[in-house]
Amino acid sequence: MPKMRRKADLPTKICAACGRPFAWRRKWARDWDEVKFCSERCRAERRRTTSAQPARPSN
């Protein structure tokens, strides 16, 4: 049986949307380098806020 790891021993990142730290998950094992958001909610929120910003008027 494999040795259990503590959550504190796993790599962490900072979420690009909410700014909170989140830890590695097994489902992200193949693409950990591309993971930017801690959850689907943050990913959807970030996409919604960036596309909803109005264009700046150039005077």
PDB file of N, CA and C in Angstrom:
ATOM      1  N   MET A   1       0.845  -1.177   0.000  1.00  0.00           N
ATOM      2  CA  MET A   1       0.000   0.000   0.000  1.00  0.00           C
ATOM      3  C   MET A   1       0.892   1.242   0.000  1.00  0.00           C
ATOM      4  N   PRO A   2       0.561   2.253  -0.860  1.00  0.00           N
ATOM      5  CA  PRO A   2       1.404   3.453  -0.924  1.00  0.00           C
ATOM      6  C   PRO A   2       1.305   4.285   0.353  1.00  0.00           C
ATOM      7  N   LYS A   3       2.384   4.999   0.607  1.00  0.00           N
ATOM      8  CA  LYS A   3       2.434   5.866   1.781  1.00  0.00           C
ATOM      9  C   LYS A   3       1.498   7.059   1.570  1.00  0.00           C
ATOM     10  N   MET A   4       0.745   7.405   2.580  1.00  0.00           N
ATOM     11  CA  MET A   4      -0.189   8.530   2.507  1.00  0.00           C
ATOM     12  C   MET A   4       0.580   9.841   2.626  1.00  0.00           C
ATOM     13  N   ARG A   5       0.131  10.834   1.874  1.00  0.00           N
ATOM     14  CA  ARG A   5       0.724  12.171   1.942  1.00  0.00           C
ATOM     15  C   ARG A   5      -0.184  13.096   2.719  1.00  0.00           C
ATOM     16  N   ARG A   6       0.440  14.029   3.389  1.00  0.00           N
ATOM     17  CA  ARG A   6      -0.354  15.051   4.072  1.00  0.00           C
ATOM     18  C   ARG A   6      -0.664  16.161   3.083  1.00  0.00           C
ATOM     19  N   LYS A   7      -1.773  16.828   3.264  1.00  0.00           N
ATOM     20  CA  LYS A   7      -2.177  17.920   2.375  1.00  0.00           C
ATOM     21  C   LYS A   7      -1.120  19.030   2.367  1.00  0.00           C
ATOM     22  N   ALA A   8      -0.469  19.250   3.474  1.00  0.00           N
ATOM     23  CA  ALA A   8       0.543  20.297   3.563  1.00  0.00           C
ATOM     24  C   ALA A   8       1.768  19.978   2.711  1.00  0.00           C
ATOM     25  N   ASP A   9       1.987  18.709   2.372  1.00  0.00           N
ATOM     26  CA  ASP A   9       3.141  18.311   1.569  1.00  0.00           C
ATOM     27  C   ASP A   9       2.900  18.448   0.070  1.00  0.00           C
ATOM     28  N   LEU A  10       1.664  18.689  -0.352  1.00  0.00           N
ATOM     29  CA  LEU A  10       1.341  18.796  -1.770  1.00  0.00           C
ATOM     30  C   LEU A  10       1.673  20.188  -2.300  1.00  0.00           C
ATOM     31  N   PRO A  11       1.978  20.293  -3.604  1.00  0.00           N
ATOM     32  CA  PRO A  11       2.263  21.615  -4.171  1.00  0.00           C
ATOM     33  C   PRO A  11       1.018  22.499  -4.168  1.00  0.00           C
ATOM     34  N   THR A  12       1.215  23.805  -4.078  1.00  0.00           N
ATOM     35  CA  THR A  12       0.096  24.740  -4.064  1.00  0.00           C
ATOM     36  C   THR A  12       0.304  25.830  -5.113  1.00  0.00           C
ATOM     37  N   LYS A  13      -0.801  26.489  -5.472  1.00  0.00           N
ATOM     38  CA  LYS A  13      -0.794  27.636  -6.385  1.00  0.00           C
ATOM     39  C   LYS A  13      -1.771  28.661  -5.847  1.00  0.00           C
ATOM     40  N   ILE A  14      -1.735  29.858  -6.419  1.00  0.00           N
ATOM     41  CA  ILE A  14      -2.670  30.917  -6.074  1.00  0.00           C
ATOM     42  C   ILE A  14      -3.680  31.031  -7.214  1.00  0.00           C
ATOM     43  N   CYS A  15      -4.960  31.058  -6.892  1.00  0.00           N
ATOM     44  CA  CYS A  15      -6.026  31.150  -7.892  1.00  0.00           C
ATOM     45  C   CYS A  15      -5.974  32.509  -8.587  1.00  0.00           C
ATOM     46  N   ALA A  16      -6.094  32.504  -9.919  1.00  0.00           N
ATOM     47  CA  ALA A  16      -6.032  33.739 -10.697  1.00  0.00           C
ATOM     48  C   ALA A  16      -7.290  34.584 -10.528  1.00  0.00           C
ATOM     49  N   ALA A  17      -8.385  33.995 -10.079  1.00  0.00           N
ATOM     50  CA  ALA A  17      -9.633  34.738  -9.933  1.00  0.00           C
ATOM     51  C   ALA A  17      -9.833  35.276  -8.515  1.00  0.00           C
ATOM     52  N   CYS A  18      -9.718  34.404  -7.525  1.00  0.00           N
ATOM     53  CA  CYS A  18     -10.022  34.825  -6.155  1.00  0.00           C
ATOM     54  C   CYS A  18      -8.784  35.141  -5.322  1.00  0.00           C
ATOM     55  N   GLY A  19      -7.607  34.701  -5.756  1.00  0.00           N
ATOM     56  CA  GLY A  19      -6.378  34.996  -5.040  1.00  0.00           C
ATOM     57  C   GLY A  19      -6.100  34.100  -3.849  1.00  0.00           C
ATOM     58  N   ARG A  20      -6.884  33.065  -3.673  1.00  0.00           N
ATOM     59  CA  ARG A  20      -6.678  32.143  -2.559  1.00  0.00           C
ATOM     60  C   ARG A  20      -5.767  31.000  -2.986  1.00  0.00           C
ATOM     61  N   PRO A  21      -5.004  30.454  -2.037  1.00  0.00           N
ATOM     62  CA  PRO A  21      -4.160  29.303  -2.373  1.00  0.00           C
ATOM     63  C   PRO A  21      -5.002  28.032  -2.506  1.00  0.00           C
ATOM     64  N   PHE A  22      -4.580  27.145  -3.419  1.00  0.00           N
ATOM     65  CA  PHE A  22      -5.229  25.852  -3.540  1.00  0.00           C
ATOM     66  C   PHE A  22      -4.166  24.796  -3.787  1.00  0.00           C
ATOM     67  N   ALA A  23      -4.456  23.572  -3.366  1.00  0.00           N
ATOM     68  CA  ALA A  23      -3.481  22.486  -3.415  1.00  0.00           C
ATOM     69  C   ALA A  23      -3.732  21.573  -4.606  1.00  0.00           C
ATOM     70  N   TRP A  24      -2.698  20.845  -4.961  1.00  0.00           N
ATOM     71  CA  TRP A  24      -2.729  19.861  -6.038  1.00  0.00           C
ATOM     72  C   TRP A  24      -3.834  18.841  -5.786  1.00  0.00           C
ATOM     73  N   ARG A  25      -4.495  18.438  -6.842  1.00  0.00           N
ATOM     74  CA  ARG A  25      -5.503  17.375  -6.763  1.00  0.00           C
ATOM     75  C   ARG A  25      -5.144  16.290  -7.750  1.00  0.00           C
ATOM     76  N   ARG A  26      -5.541  15.095  -7.450  1.00  0.00           N
ATOM     77  CA  ARG A  26      -5.201  13.958  -8.304  1.00  0.00           C
ATOM     78  C   ARG A  26      -5.734  14.123  -9.722  1.00  0.00           C
ATOM     79  N   LYS A  27      -6.925  14.716  -9.878  1.00  0.00           N
ATOM     80  CA  LYS A  27      -7.497  14.884 -11.209  1.00  0.00           C
ATOM     81  C   LYS A  27      -6.711  15.895 -12.049  1.00  0.00           C
ATOM     82  N   TRP A  28      -5.868  16.710 -11.409  1.00  0.00           N
ATOM     83  CA  TRP A  28      -5.046  17.684 -12.129  1.00  0.00           C
ATOM     84  C   TRP A  28      -3.636  17.148 -12.383  1.00  0.00           C
ATOM     85  N   ALA A  29      -3.377  15.891 -12.133  1.00  0.00           N
ATOM     86  CA  ALA A  29      -2.026  15.333 -12.211  1.00  0.00           C
ATOM     87  C   ALA A  29      -1.398  15.521 -13.590  1.00  0.00           C
ATOM     88  N   ARG A  30      -2.152  15.316 -14.657  1.00  0.00           N
ATOM     89  CA  ARG A  30      -1.591  15.420 -16.005  1.00  0.00           C
ATOM     90  C   ARG A  30      -1.354  16.857 -16.447  1.00  0.00           C
ATOM     91  N   ASP A  31      -2.187  17.792 -15.989  1.00  0.00           N
ATOM     92  CA  ASP A  31      -2.080  19.167 -16.479  1.00  0.00           C
ATOM     93  C   ASP A  31      -1.938  20.195 -15.354  1.00  0.00           C
ATOM     94  N   TRP A  32      -1.199  19.869 -14.323  1.00  0.00           N
ATOM     95  CA  TRP A  32      -1.005  20.769 -13.190  1.00  0.00           C
ATOM     96  C   TRP A  32      -0.371  22.089 -13.623  1.00  0.00           C
ATOM     97  N   ASP A  33       0.503  22.053 -14.619  1.00  0.00           N
ATOM     98  CA  ASP A  33       1.161  23.282 -15.070  1.00  0.00           C
ATOM     99  C   ASP A  33       0.186  24.262 -15.705  1.00  0.00           C
ATOM    100  N   GLU A  34      -0.915  23.773 -16.283  1.00  0.00           N
ATOM    101  CA  GLU A  34      -1.892  24.640 -16.943  1.00  0.00           C
ATOM    102  C   GLU A  34      -3.028  25.095 -16.026  1.00  0.00           C
ATOM    103  N   VAL A  35      -3.154  24.502 -14.844  1.00  0.00           N
ATOM    104  CA  VAL A  35      -4.235  24.846 -13.922  1.00  0.00           C
ATOM    105  C   VAL A  35      -4.007  26.251 -13.375  1.00  0.00           C
ATOM    106  N   LYS A  36      -5.035  27.122 -13.497  1.00  0.00           N
ATOM    107  CA  LYS A  36      -4.923  28.502 -13.033  1.00  0.00           C
ATOM    108  C   LYS A  36      -5.963  28.862 -11.984  1.00  0.00           C
ATOM    109  N   PHE A  37      -7.072  28.111 -11.956  1.00  0.00           N
ATOM    110  CA  PHE A  37      -8.179  28.452 -11.074  1.00  0.00           C
ATOM    111  C   PHE A  37      -8.449  27.326 -10.089  1.00  0.00           C
ATOM    112  N   CYS A  38      -8.938  27.678  -8.906  1.00  0.00           N
ATOM    113  CA  CYS A  38      -9.168  26.683  -7.858  1.00  0.00           C
ATOM    114  C   CYS A  38     -10.454  25.899  -8.058  1.00  0.00           C
ATOM    115  N   SER A  39     -11.388  26.446  -8.846  1.00  0.00           N
ATOM    116  CA  SER A  39     -12.669  25.762  -9.027  1.00  0.00           C
ATOM    117  C   SER A  39     -13.321  26.185 -10.336  1.00  0.00           C
ATOM    118  N   GLU A  40     -14.344  25.461 -10.718  1.00  0.00           N
ATOM    119  CA  GLU A  40     -15.127  25.818 -11.906  1.00  0.00           C
ATOM    120  C   GLU A  40     -15.805  27.166 -11.705  1.00  0.00           C
ATOM    121  N   ARG A  41     -16.227  27.434 -10.485  1.00  0.00           N
ATOM    122  CA  ARG A  41     -16.888  28.710 -10.192  1.00  0.00           C
ATOM    123  C   ARG A  41     -15.944  29.888 -10.443  1.00  0.00           C
ATOM    124  N   CYS A  42     -14.704  29.780  -9.989  1.00  0.00           N
ATOM    125  CA  CYS A  42     -13.733  30.853 -10.223  1.00  0.00           C
ATOM    126  C   CYS A  42     -13.420  30.992 -11.711  1.00  0.00           C
ATOM    127  N   ARG A  43     -13.307  29.871 -12.402  1.00  0.00           N
ATOM    128  CA  ARG A  43     -13.008  29.925 -13.830  1.00  0.00           C
ATOM    129  C   ARG A  43     -14.134  30.604 -14.587  1.00  0.00           C
ATOM    130  N   ALA A  44     -15.379  30.265 -14.267  1.00  0.00           N
ATOM    131  CA  ALA A  44     -16.537  30.879 -14.925  1.00  0.00           C
ATOM    132  C   ALA A  44     -16.661  32.355 -14.567  1.00  0.00           C
ATOM    133  N   GLU A  45     -16.408  32.696 -13.320  1.00  0.00           N
ATOM    134  CA  GLU A  45     -16.486  34.090 -12.870  1.00  0.00           C
ATOM    135  C   GLU A  45     -15.438  34.943 -13.565  1.00  0.00           C
ATOM    136  N   ARG A  46     -14.236  34.417 -13.702  1.00  0.00           N
ATOM    137  CA  ARG A  46     -13.161  35.166 -14.359  1.00  0.00           C
ATOM    138  C   ARG A  46     -13.493  35.409 -15.833  1.00  0.00           C
ATOM    139  N   ARG A  47     -14.021  34.382 -16.481  1.00  0.00           N
ATOM    140  CA  ARG A  47     -14.379  34.510 -17.894  1.00  0.00           C
ATOM    141  C   ARG A  47     -15.510  35.513 -18.072  1.00  0.00           C
ATOM    142  N   ARG A  48     -16.477  35.517 -17.148  1.00  0.00           N
ATOM    143  CA  ARG A  48     -17.620  36.419 -17.237  1.00  0.00           C
ATOM    144  C   ARG A  48     -17.206  37.870 -17.000  1.00  0.00           C
ATOM    145  N   THR A  49     -16.313  38.114 -16.049  1.00  0.00           N
ATOM    146  CA  THR A  49     -15.909  39.489 -15.746  1.00  0.00           C
ATOM    147  C   THR A  49     -15.001  40.067 -16.825  1.00  0.00           C
ATOM    148  N   THR A  50     -14.161  39.253 -17.447  1.00  0.00           N
ATOM    149  CA  THR A  50     -13.277  39.787 -18.477  1.00  0.00           C
ATOM    150  C   THR A  50     -14.022  40.074 -19.767  1.00  0.00           C
ATOM    151  N   SER A  51     -15.056  39.291 -20.082  1.00  0.00           N
ATOM    152  CA  SER A  51     -15.809  39.536 -21.314  1.00  0.00           C
ATOM    153  C   SER A  51     -16.878  40.603 -21.127  1.00  0.00           C
ATOM    154  N   ALA A  52     -17.262  40.895 -19.893  1.00  0.00           N
ATOM    155  CA  ALA A  52     -18.327  41.867 -19.640  1.00  0.00           C
ATOM    156  C   ALA A  52     -17.804  43.286 -19.468  1.00  0.00           C
ATOM    157  N   GLN A  53     -16.499  43.482 -19.444  1.00  0.00           N
ATOM    158  CA  GLN A  53     -15.957  44.817 -19.273  1.00  0.00           C
ATOM    159  C   GLN A  53     -16.156  45.639 -20.545  1.00  0.00           C
ATOM    160  N   PRO A  54     -16.707  46.836 -20.419  1.00  0.00           N
ATOM    161  CA  PRO A  54     -16.905  47.672 -21.597  1.00  0.00           C
ATOM    162  C   PRO A  54     -15.567  48.217 -22.119  1.00  0.00           C
ATOM    163  N   ALA A  55     -15.548  48.527 -23.383  1.00  0.00           N
ATOM    164  CA  ALA A  55     -14.327  49.077 -23.990  1.00  0.00           C
ATOM    165  C   ALA A  55     -14.104  50.488 -23.468  1.00  0.00           C
ATOM    166  N   ARG A  56     -12.838  50.850 -23.286  1.00  0.00           N
ATOM    167  CA  ARG A  56     -12.507  52.186 -22.805  1.00  0.00           C
ATOM    168  C   ARG A  56     -12.637  53.183 -23.952  1.00  0.00           C
ATOM    169  N   PRO A  57     -13.302  54.290 -23.686  1.00  0.00           N
ATOM    170  CA  PRO A  57     -13.386  55.321 -24.730  1.00  0.00           C
ATOM    171  C   PRO A  57     -12.029  56.001 -24.911  1.00  0.00           C
ATOM    172  N   SER A  58     -11.645  56.221 -26.139  1.00  0.00           N
ATOM    173  CA  SER A  58     -10.357  56.892 -26.399  1.00  0.00           C
ATOM    174  C   SER A  58     -10.633  58.318 -26.839  1.00  0.00           C
ATOM    175  N   ASN A  59     -10.372  59.251 -25.936  1.00  0.00           N
ATOM    176  CA  ASN A  59     -10.615  60.681 -26.217  1.00  0.00           C
ATOM    177  C   ASN A  59      -9.371  61.360 -26.661  1.00  0.00           C
TER     178      ASN A  59
END
